[in-house]
Amino acid sequence: MTENIAKKRYGKSIAILMAMILLFLTVAPPSLAQHRSYKRRPSKTKHIAVGTAVGAVGGALLGGTKGALIGAGAGAGTGYLVYKHKKRRAYR
């Protein structure tokens, strides 16, 4: 019977300790937040390369070699359009 009481006490202590740790981890001072004082321009090469890769993989899965070529072209065009959209939004 005394074991059961001891388990309840330790269980409550552990629960309180975990709650305190969670409280301290969720309340952080604003100085720890990431702050970027400059705006980065979107990278045209990165957007087109990612679009090409995604399009090629999707096309290859759907239509083999010919589908991969068509998908790569479509992905490159889509990547360029995404780049233009982000560029326009970055300069507003």
N, C-alpha and C. Protein backbone atom coordinates (compact mmCIF):
# COMPACT_ATOMS: atom_id res chain seq x y z
N MET A 1 0.81 -1.19 0.00
CA MET A 1 0.00 0.00 0.00
C MET A 1 0.86 1.26 0.00
N THR A 2 1.98 1.23 0.70
CA THR A 2 2.85 2.40 0.72
C THR A 2 3.52 2.60 -0.65
N GLU A 3 3.70 1.51 -1.40
CA GLU A 3 4.29 1.64 -2.74
C GLU A 3 3.36 2.43 -3.65
N ASN A 4 2.09 2.18 -3.54
CA ASN A 4 1.11 2.85 -4.38
C ASN A 4 1.10 4.36 -4.09
N ILE A 5 1.21 4.75 -2.82
CA ILE A 5 1.23 6.16 -2.43
C ILE A 5 2.51 6.82 -2.96
N ALA A 6 3.62 6.10 -2.85
CA ALA A 6 4.89 6.64 -3.34
C ALA A 6 4.85 6.84 -4.85
N LYS A 7 4.24 5.91 -5.58
CA LYS A 7 4.12 6.05 -7.03
C LYS A 7 3.28 7.27 -7.39
N LYS A 8 2.22 7.51 -6.63
CA LYS A 8 1.37 8.67 -6.90
C LYS A 8 2.13 9.96 -6.66
N ARG A 9 2.93 10.01 -5.60
CA ARG A 9 3.71 11.22 -5.30
C ARG A 9 4.75 11.48 -6.39
N TYR A 10 5.45 10.43 -6.77
CA TYR A 10 6.47 10.60 -7.80
C TYR A 10 5.83 10.93 -9.15
N GLY A 11 4.68 10.37 -9.40
CA GLY A 11 3.98 10.66 -10.64
C GLY A 11 3.58 12.12 -10.72
N LYS A 12 3.08 12.67 -9.61
CA LYS A 12 2.71 14.08 -9.58
C LYS A 12 3.94 14.96 -9.71
N SER A 13 5.03 14.58 -9.06
CA SER A 13 6.26 15.36 -9.13
C SER A 13 6.80 15.39 -10.56
N ILE A 14 6.77 14.26 -11.21
CA ILE A 14 7.25 14.19 -12.59
C ILE A 14 6.35 15.01 -13.51
N ALA A 15 5.05 14.95 -13.29
CA ALA A 15 4.12 15.72 -14.10
C ALA A 15 4.34 17.23 -13.92
N ILE A 16 4.57 17.65 -12.69
CA ILE A 16 4.83 19.07 -12.43
C ILE A 16 6.15 19.49 -13.06
N LEU A 17 7.17 18.65 -12.94
CA LEU A 17 8.46 18.95 -13.54
C LEU A 17 8.35 19.06 -15.07
N MET A 18 7.62 18.16 -15.69
CA MET A 18 7.45 18.20 -17.15
C MET A 18 6.68 19.46 -17.57
N ALA A 19 5.67 19.83 -16.77
CA ALA A 19 4.91 21.04 -17.07
C ALA A 19 5.78 22.28 -16.97
N MET A 20 6.65 22.34 -15.98
CA MET A 20 7.56 23.47 -15.82
C MET A 20 8.55 23.55 -16.98
N ILE A 21 9.08 22.41 -17.39
CA ILE A 21 10.01 22.39 -18.52
C ILE A 21 9.31 22.86 -19.79
N LEU A 22 8.10 22.39 -20.02
CA LEU A 22 7.33 22.81 -21.18
C LEU A 22 7.06 24.31 -21.14
N LEU A 23 6.74 24.83 -19.98
CA LEU A 23 6.48 26.26 -19.83
C LEU A 23 7.73 27.07 -20.16
N PHE A 24 8.88 26.66 -19.66
CA PHE A 24 10.11 27.40 -19.92
C PHE A 24 10.53 27.30 -21.39
N LEU A 25 10.25 26.18 -22.03
CA LEU A 25 10.64 26.04 -23.43
C LEU A 25 9.72 26.79 -24.38
N THR A 26 8.47 26.97 -24.01
CA THR A 26 7.55 27.66 -24.90
C THR A 26 7.59 29.18 -24.74
N VAL A 27 8.04 29.66 -23.61
CA VAL A 27 8.12 31.10 -23.40
C VAL A 27 9.58 31.49 -23.58
N ALA A 28 9.88 32.02 -24.76
CA ALA A 28 11.25 32.42 -25.06
C ALA A 28 11.29 33.93 -25.25
N PRO A 29 12.37 34.57 -24.88
CA PRO A 29 12.45 36.01 -25.08
C PRO A 29 12.49 36.35 -26.57
N PRO A 30 12.00 37.52 -26.94
CA PRO A 30 11.97 37.89 -28.35
C PRO A 30 13.36 37.96 -28.98
N SER A 31 14.38 38.13 -28.18
CA SER A 31 15.73 38.23 -28.73
C SER A 31 16.20 36.90 -29.33
N LEU A 32 15.55 35.79 -28.99
CA LEU A 32 15.93 34.50 -29.55
C LEU A 32 15.26 34.23 -30.90
N ALA A 33 14.32 35.07 -31.29
CA ALA A 33 13.64 34.87 -32.56
C ALA A 33 14.59 35.22 -33.70
N GLN A 34 14.43 34.52 -34.81
CA GLN A 34 15.27 34.82 -35.96
C GLN A 34 14.81 36.12 -36.59
N HIS A 35 15.75 36.96 -36.92
CA HIS A 35 15.43 38.24 -37.51
C HIS A 35 16.34 38.47 -38.70
N ARG A 36 15.74 38.76 -39.81
CA ARG A 36 16.53 39.05 -41.01
C ARG A 36 16.29 40.51 -41.36
N SER A 37 17.34 41.31 -41.37
CA SER A 37 17.18 42.73 -41.60
C SER A 37 17.23 43.08 -43.09
N TYR A 38 17.39 42.11 -43.95
CA TYR A 38 17.44 42.37 -45.37
C TYR A 38 16.54 41.37 -46.09
N LYS A 39 16.11 41.76 -47.27
CA LYS A 39 15.30 40.87 -48.07
C LYS A 39 16.19 40.17 -49.08
N ARG A 40 16.04 38.88 -49.18
CA ARG A 40 16.81 38.13 -50.17
C ARG A 40 16.02 38.05 -51.45
N ARG A 41 16.70 38.21 -52.56
CA ARG A 41 16.04 38.10 -53.85
C ARG A 41 15.85 36.63 -54.17
N PRO A 42 14.76 36.30 -54.84
CA PRO A 42 14.57 34.91 -55.24
C PRO A 42 15.58 34.50 -56.31
N SER A 43 16.03 33.27 -56.27
CA SER A 43 17.03 32.77 -57.20
C SER A 43 16.35 32.15 -58.43
N LYS A 44 16.64 32.71 -59.60
CA LYS A 44 16.04 32.20 -60.84
C LYS A 44 16.53 30.79 -61.12
N THR A 45 17.82 30.55 -60.95
CA THR A 45 18.40 29.24 -61.24
C THR A 45 17.78 28.16 -60.36
N LYS A 46 17.63 28.47 -59.08
CA LYS A 46 17.08 27.48 -58.16
C LYS A 46 15.64 27.14 -58.52
N HIS A 47 14.83 28.13 -58.81
CA HIS A 47 13.43 27.87 -59.13
C HIS A 47 13.30 27.05 -60.41
N ILE A 48 14.07 27.40 -61.42
CA ILE A 48 13.97 26.66 -62.68
C ILE A 48 14.50 25.24 -62.52
N ALA A 49 15.61 25.07 -61.77
CA ALA A 49 16.17 23.73 -61.58
C ALA A 49 15.21 22.83 -60.80
N VAL A 50 14.61 23.36 -59.77
CA VAL A 50 13.66 22.55 -58.99
C VAL A 50 12.45 22.20 -59.83
N GLY A 51 11.94 23.16 -60.59
CA GLY A 51 10.80 22.88 -61.46
C GLY A 51 11.12 21.83 -62.50
N THR A 52 12.33 21.91 -63.08
CA THR A 52 12.75 20.93 -64.08
C THR A 52 12.84 19.53 -63.46
N ALA A 53 13.45 19.44 -62.30
CA ALA A 53 13.62 18.14 -61.65
C ALA A 53 12.26 17.51 -61.29
N VAL A 54 11.39 18.31 -60.72
CA VAL A 54 10.07 17.78 -60.33
C VAL A 54 9.28 17.37 -61.57
N GLY A 55 9.34 18.20 -62.61
CA GLY A 55 8.63 17.86 -63.85
C GLY A 55 9.18 16.61 -64.50
N ALA A 56 10.51 16.45 -64.50
CA ALA A 56 11.12 15.27 -65.11
C ALA A 56 10.75 13.99 -64.36
N VAL A 57 10.78 14.06 -63.05
CA VAL A 57 10.43 12.88 -62.25
C VAL A 57 8.96 12.53 -62.44
N GLY A 58 8.10 13.54 -62.39
CA GLY A 58 6.67 13.27 -62.60
C GLY A 58 6.38 12.73 -63.98
N GLY A 59 7.02 13.30 -65.00
CA GLY A 59 6.83 12.82 -66.36
C GLY A 59 7.36 11.42 -66.56
N ALA A 60 8.49 11.11 -65.94
CA ALA A 60 9.06 9.77 -66.06
C ALA A 60 8.15 8.73 -65.42
N LEU A 61 7.54 9.09 -64.31
CA LEU A 61 6.63 8.15 -63.65
C LEU A 61 5.37 7.91 -64.49
N LEU A 62 4.93 8.94 -65.18
CA LEU A 62 3.70 8.82 -65.95
C LEU A 62 3.91 8.31 -67.37
N GLY A 63 5.02 8.74 -68.01
CA GLY A 63 5.15 8.42 -69.43
C GLY A 63 6.50 7.95 -69.90
N GLY A 64 7.37 7.50 -69.00
CA GLY A 64 8.67 6.99 -69.43
C GLY A 64 9.60 8.10 -69.86
N THR A 65 10.48 7.81 -70.85
CA THR A 65 11.51 8.76 -71.29
C THR A 65 10.89 9.98 -71.96
N LYS A 66 9.95 9.74 -72.85
CA LYS A 66 9.31 10.85 -73.55
C LYS A 66 8.55 11.74 -72.55
N GLY A 67 7.89 11.12 -71.61
CA GLY A 67 7.18 11.88 -70.57
C GLY A 67 8.12 12.69 -69.70
N ALA A 68 9.32 12.14 -69.47
CA ALA A 68 10.31 12.86 -68.66
C ALA A 68 10.76 14.12 -69.38
N LEU A 69 10.96 14.04 -70.68
CA LEU A 69 11.37 15.23 -71.44
C LEU A 69 10.27 16.28 -71.46
N ILE A 70 9.06 15.85 -71.68
CA ILE A 70 7.94 16.79 -71.69
C ILE A 70 7.74 17.40 -70.30
N GLY A 71 7.83 16.56 -69.27
CA GLY A 71 7.68 17.05 -67.89
C GLY A 71 8.78 18.01 -67.49
N ALA A 72 10.01 17.75 -67.97
CA ALA A 72 11.12 18.65 -67.65
C ALA A 72 10.88 20.02 -68.27
N GLY A 73 10.39 20.04 -69.51
CA GLY A 73 10.09 21.32 -70.15
C GLY A 73 8.98 22.06 -69.44
N ALA A 74 7.93 21.34 -69.10
CA ALA A 74 6.81 21.97 -68.40
C ALA A 74 7.24 22.44 -67.00
N GLY A 75 8.06 21.64 -66.34
CA GLY A 75 8.54 22.02 -65.00
C GLY A 75 9.44 23.24 -65.04
N ALA A 76 10.28 23.34 -66.09
CA ALA A 76 11.15 24.51 -66.22
C ALA A 76 10.31 25.77 -66.43
N GLY A 77 9.28 25.65 -67.26
CA GLY A 77 8.39 26.80 -67.48
C GLY A 77 7.66 27.20 -66.22
N THR A 78 7.20 26.22 -65.48
CA THR A 78 6.51 26.50 -64.23
C THR A 78 7.45 27.12 -63.21
N GLY A 79 8.68 26.60 -63.14
CA GLY A 79 9.67 27.18 -62.23
C GLY A 79 9.97 28.63 -62.55
N TYR A 80 10.01 28.96 -63.85
CA TYR A 80 10.25 30.33 -64.25
C TYR A 80 9.07 31.22 -63.85
N LEU A 81 7.85 30.72 -64.03
CA LEU A 81 6.68 31.50 -63.64
C LEU A 81 6.64 31.73 -62.12
N VAL A 82 7.03 30.73 -61.35
CA VAL A 82 7.09 30.88 -59.89
C VAL A 82 8.13 31.93 -59.52
N TYR A 83 9.28 31.90 -60.20
CA TYR A 83 10.34 32.88 -59.96
C TYR A 83 9.82 34.30 -60.24
N LYS A 84 9.15 34.50 -61.36
CA LYS A 84 8.64 35.82 -61.71
C LYS A 84 7.62 36.30 -60.68
N HIS A 85 6.77 35.39 -60.20
CA HIS A 85 5.77 35.75 -59.19
C HIS A 85 6.45 36.17 -57.90
N LYS A 86 7.43 35.40 -57.45
CA LYS A 86 8.11 35.73 -56.20
C LYS A 86 8.94 37.00 -56.33
N LYS A 87 9.52 37.22 -57.50
CA LYS A 87 10.31 38.43 -57.73
C LYS A 87 9.40 39.65 -57.64
N ARG A 88 8.22 39.56 -58.25
CA ARG A 88 7.29 40.68 -58.22
C ARG A 88 6.83 40.96 -56.78
N ARG A 89 6.60 39.91 -56.01
CA ARG A 89 6.16 40.08 -54.63
C ARG A 89 7.28 40.62 -53.74
N ALA A 90 8.55 40.28 -54.05
CA ALA A 90 9.67 40.71 -53.22
C ALA A 90 9.92 42.20 -53.33
N TYR A 91 9.57 42.80 -54.45
CA TYR A 91 9.85 44.22 -54.65
C TYR A 91 8.67 45.12 -54.33
N ARG A 92 7.61 44.57 -53.80
CA ARG A 92 6.47 45.41 -53.41
C ARG A 92 6.69 46.05 -52.08
